Amino acid sequence: MDLDQTDMKLLKLLQEDATLSNKELSLKLHKSIAAIHERVKKLKSAGYIKKTVAILDRHKIGIGLISFSQVFLKAHTFEVLGEFEKEVSKFPEVMECYQMAGSYDFMLRIATKDMEAYHQFLRHKLAVLPHVNTVQTYFVLSETKSETAYHF
C-alpha cells in the first residue's frame, strides 16, 4: 500500500491523539467522514496502525522503578535466541526486548513496583532462564523524555 499525503497526515494525527473521532479527523484533513473511516480501516488492515492504546501514568498505578537490563547469553544459535525471546516475552515486567549488535545480546526495558520487585523478577524469572549468562542492569533516576510518536 502506497501512502499519500493524507494518509501520512492521518497517521501523524492519530499518533498524537488516537481518540480523535472520524468527524474531527475529517475536519482537520478536509475529507469526508466516510473517506477517513475507509482510510483508517485500510491503514489498520495493512499493518500501519498496530493497535490503539491508552498511555498510563506509571506512578499512579504503582510502577515506581524502570530499569534497562543488558542480557548476555551463553550460546547464540538460532534456537537459543528464539527460546530466550519466547520466554522473556511472557514476563509482564518486560516492556520492551531488543536483540542487539555489540557486546551484549539483548536489551530489556523492565517496569516494576520497586527495587524489591525487580530483585524478585531477576532472581526468580530472568536469571533462571536457560542460557542466560550475565545480566547487567541500569536503574532510571529520572525521565527527561518519553515519546510514543514516530516523526516521519
Protein backbone atom coordinates (compact mmCIF):
# COMPACT_ATOMS: atom_id res chain seq x y z
CA MET A 1 0.00 0.00 0.00
CA ASP A 2 1.43 3.37 -1.02
CA LEU A 3 0.78 6.20 1.40
CA ASP A 4 -0.29 9.58 0.09
CA GLN A 5 -0.03 12.90 1.93
CA THR A 6 -3.47 12.46 3.51
CA ASP A 7 -2.52 9.04 4.87
CA MET A 8 0.70 10.46 6.30
CA LYS A 9 -1.14 13.34 7.96
CA LEU A 10 -3.77 10.95 9.28
CA LEU A 11 -1.11 8.71 10.84
CA LYS A 12 0.60 11.72 12.44
CA LEU A 13 -2.67 12.95 13.93
CA LEU A 14 -3.60 9.52 15.27
CA GLN A 15 -0.17 9.05 16.84
CA GLU A 16 -0.65 12.25 18.80
CA ASP A 17 -4.28 11.60 19.78
CA ALA A 18 -5.93 8.30 18.89
CA THR A 19 -9.19 9.46 20.50
CA LEU A 20 -9.90 11.87 17.64
CA SER A 21 -13.20 10.91 16.03
CA ASN A 22 -13.57 10.39 12.31
CA LYS A 23 -15.53 13.64 12.25
CA GLU A 24 -12.68 15.55 13.94
CA LEU A 25 -10.15 13.95 11.60
CA SER A 26 -12.28 14.76 8.56
CA LEU A 27 -12.39 18.45 9.57
CA LYS A 28 -8.62 18.60 10.10
CA LEU A 29 -7.88 16.83 6.81
CA HIS A 30 -10.69 18.35 4.72
CA LYS A 31 -12.05 14.93 3.74
CA SER A 32 -15.44 13.29 4.27
CA ILE A 33 -16.09 11.24 7.39
CA ALA A 34 -16.63 8.17 5.19
CA ALA A 35 -13.29 8.72 3.43
CA ILE A 36 -11.48 8.99 6.78
CA HIS A 37 -13.22 5.86 8.06
CA GLU A 38 -12.10 3.90 4.98
CA ARG A 39 -8.53 5.21 5.20
CA VAL A 40 -8.22 4.28 8.88
CA LYS A 41 -9.64 0.83 8.12
CA LYS A 42 -7.11 0.33 5.29
CA LEU A 43 -4.21 1.57 7.43
CA LYS A 44 -5.17 -0.90 10.15
CA SER A 45 -5.56 -3.84 7.77
CA ALA A 46 -2.23 -3.02 6.08
CA GLY A 47 -0.49 -3.02 9.48
CA TYR A 48 0.42 0.67 9.65
CA ILE A 49 -1.69 1.01 12.79
CA LYS A 50 -0.76 -1.94 15.00
CA LYS A 51 -3.07 -1.14 17.92
CA THR A 52 -4.76 1.69 19.78
CA VAL A 53 -3.88 2.07 23.46
CA ALA A 54 -4.13 4.41 26.45
CA ILE A 55 -0.79 5.53 27.86
CA LEU A 56 -0.97 5.39 31.65
CA ASP A 57 0.85 7.37 34.30
CA ARG A 58 3.03 4.61 35.73
CA HIS A 59 3.37 6.29 39.12
CA LYS A 60 -0.41 6.37 39.60
CA ILE A 61 -0.61 2.61 39.04
CA GLY A 62 2.28 1.77 41.35
CA ILE A 63 5.13 1.29 38.88
CA GLY A 64 7.96 3.12 40.64
CA LEU A 65 11.04 1.62 39.03
CA ILE A 66 12.16 1.48 35.40
CA SER A 67 15.35 -0.34 34.54
CA PHE A 68 17.28 -1.34 31.47
CA SER A 69 18.99 -4.72 31.53
CA GLN A 70 21.69 -5.92 29.21
CA VAL A 71 21.47 -9.69 28.87
CA PHE A 72 24.40 -11.84 27.78
CA LEU A 73 23.60 -15.39 26.65
CA LYS A 74 25.85 -18.46 26.87
CA ALA A 75 25.13 -19.50 23.28
CA HIS A 76 23.96 -17.76 20.13
CA THR A 77 22.31 -20.38 18.00
CA PHE A 78 19.04 -19.67 16.24
CA GLU A 79 17.25 -21.97 18.68
CA VAL A 80 18.76 -20.38 21.81
CA LEU A 81 17.97 -16.84 20.67
CA GLY A 82 14.41 -17.81 19.75
CA GLU A 83 13.85 -19.61 23.04
CA PHE A 84 15.06 -16.60 25.02
CA GLU A 85 12.79 -14.24 23.06
CA LYS A 86 9.81 -16.55 23.54
CA GLU A 87 10.34 -16.89 27.29
CA VAL A 88 11.16 -13.26 28.06
CA SER A 89 8.09 -12.14 26.10
CA LYS A 90 5.91 -13.93 28.67
CA PHE A 91 7.07 -11.67 31.52
CA PRO A 92 4.69 -8.74 32.13
CA GLU A 93 7.56 -6.78 33.73
CA VAL A 94 9.39 -6.71 30.38
CA MET A 95 8.02 -3.76 28.45
CA GLU A 96 10.44 -3.98 25.53
CA CYS A 97 13.00 -6.50 24.32
CA TYR A 98 15.57 -5.79 21.63
CA GLN A 99 18.21 -8.09 20.19
CA MET A 100 21.37 -6.00 19.96
CA ALA A 101 24.54 -5.92 17.92
CA GLY A 102 27.62 -5.30 20.05
CA SER A 103 28.91 -6.53 23.37
CA TYR A 104 25.62 -7.90 24.74
CA ASP A 105 22.79 -9.86 23.21
CA PHE A 106 19.54 -8.26 24.41
CA MET A 107 18.39 -5.02 25.96
CA LEU A 108 15.26 -5.16 28.10
CA ARG A 109 13.17 -2.30 29.47
CA ILE A 110 11.68 -3.54 32.72
CA ALA A 111 8.95 -1.90 34.82
CA THR A 112 8.41 -2.97 38.43
CA LYS A 113 6.85 -1.60 41.59
CA ASP A 114 10.16 -1.06 43.35
CA MET A 115 13.67 -2.44 43.85
CA GLU A 116 12.39 -5.45 45.80
CA ALA A 117 10.01 -6.36 42.96
CA TYR A 118 12.89 -6.02 40.48
CA HIS A 119 15.06 -8.23 42.70
CA GLN A 120 12.37 -10.93 42.77
CA PHE A 121 11.92 -10.65 38.99
CA LEU A 122 15.65 -11.03 38.43
CA ARG A 123 16.17 -13.95 40.81
CA HIS A 124 13.05 -15.95 40.03
CA LYS A 125 12.34 -15.20 36.38
CA LEU A 126 15.08 -13.61 34.28
CA ALA A 127 18.27 -15.11 35.73
CA VAL A 128 16.87 -18.64 35.77
CA LEU A 129 16.10 -18.72 32.05
CA PRO A 130 18.16 -21.29 30.19
CA HIS A 131 21.28 -19.89 28.51
CA VAL A 132 21.34 -16.60 30.45
CA ASN A 133 24.97 -15.95 31.32
CA THR A 134 25.02 -12.43 32.77
CA VAL A 135 22.53 -9.65 33.40
CA GLN A 136 23.76 -6.09 33.87
CA THR A 137 21.06 -3.63 34.93
CA TYR A 138 20.87 0.16 34.99
CA PHE A 139 18.18 1.91 37.03
CA VAL A 140 16.42 5.06 35.85
CA LEU A 141 16.85 8.03 38.19
CA SER A 142 14.65 10.43 36.24
CA GLU A 143 12.82 10.51 32.93
CA THR A 144 13.51 13.53 30.75
CA LYS A 145 11.68 12.45 27.60
CA SER A 146 9.36 9.62 26.73
CA GLU A 147 7.68 9.67 23.33
CA THR A 148 5.46 7.19 21.58
CA ALA A 149 5.01 9.02 18.26
CA TYR A 150 7.41 8.46 15.38
CA HIS A 151 8.35 11.53 13.38
CA PHE A 152 8.48 10.98 9.65
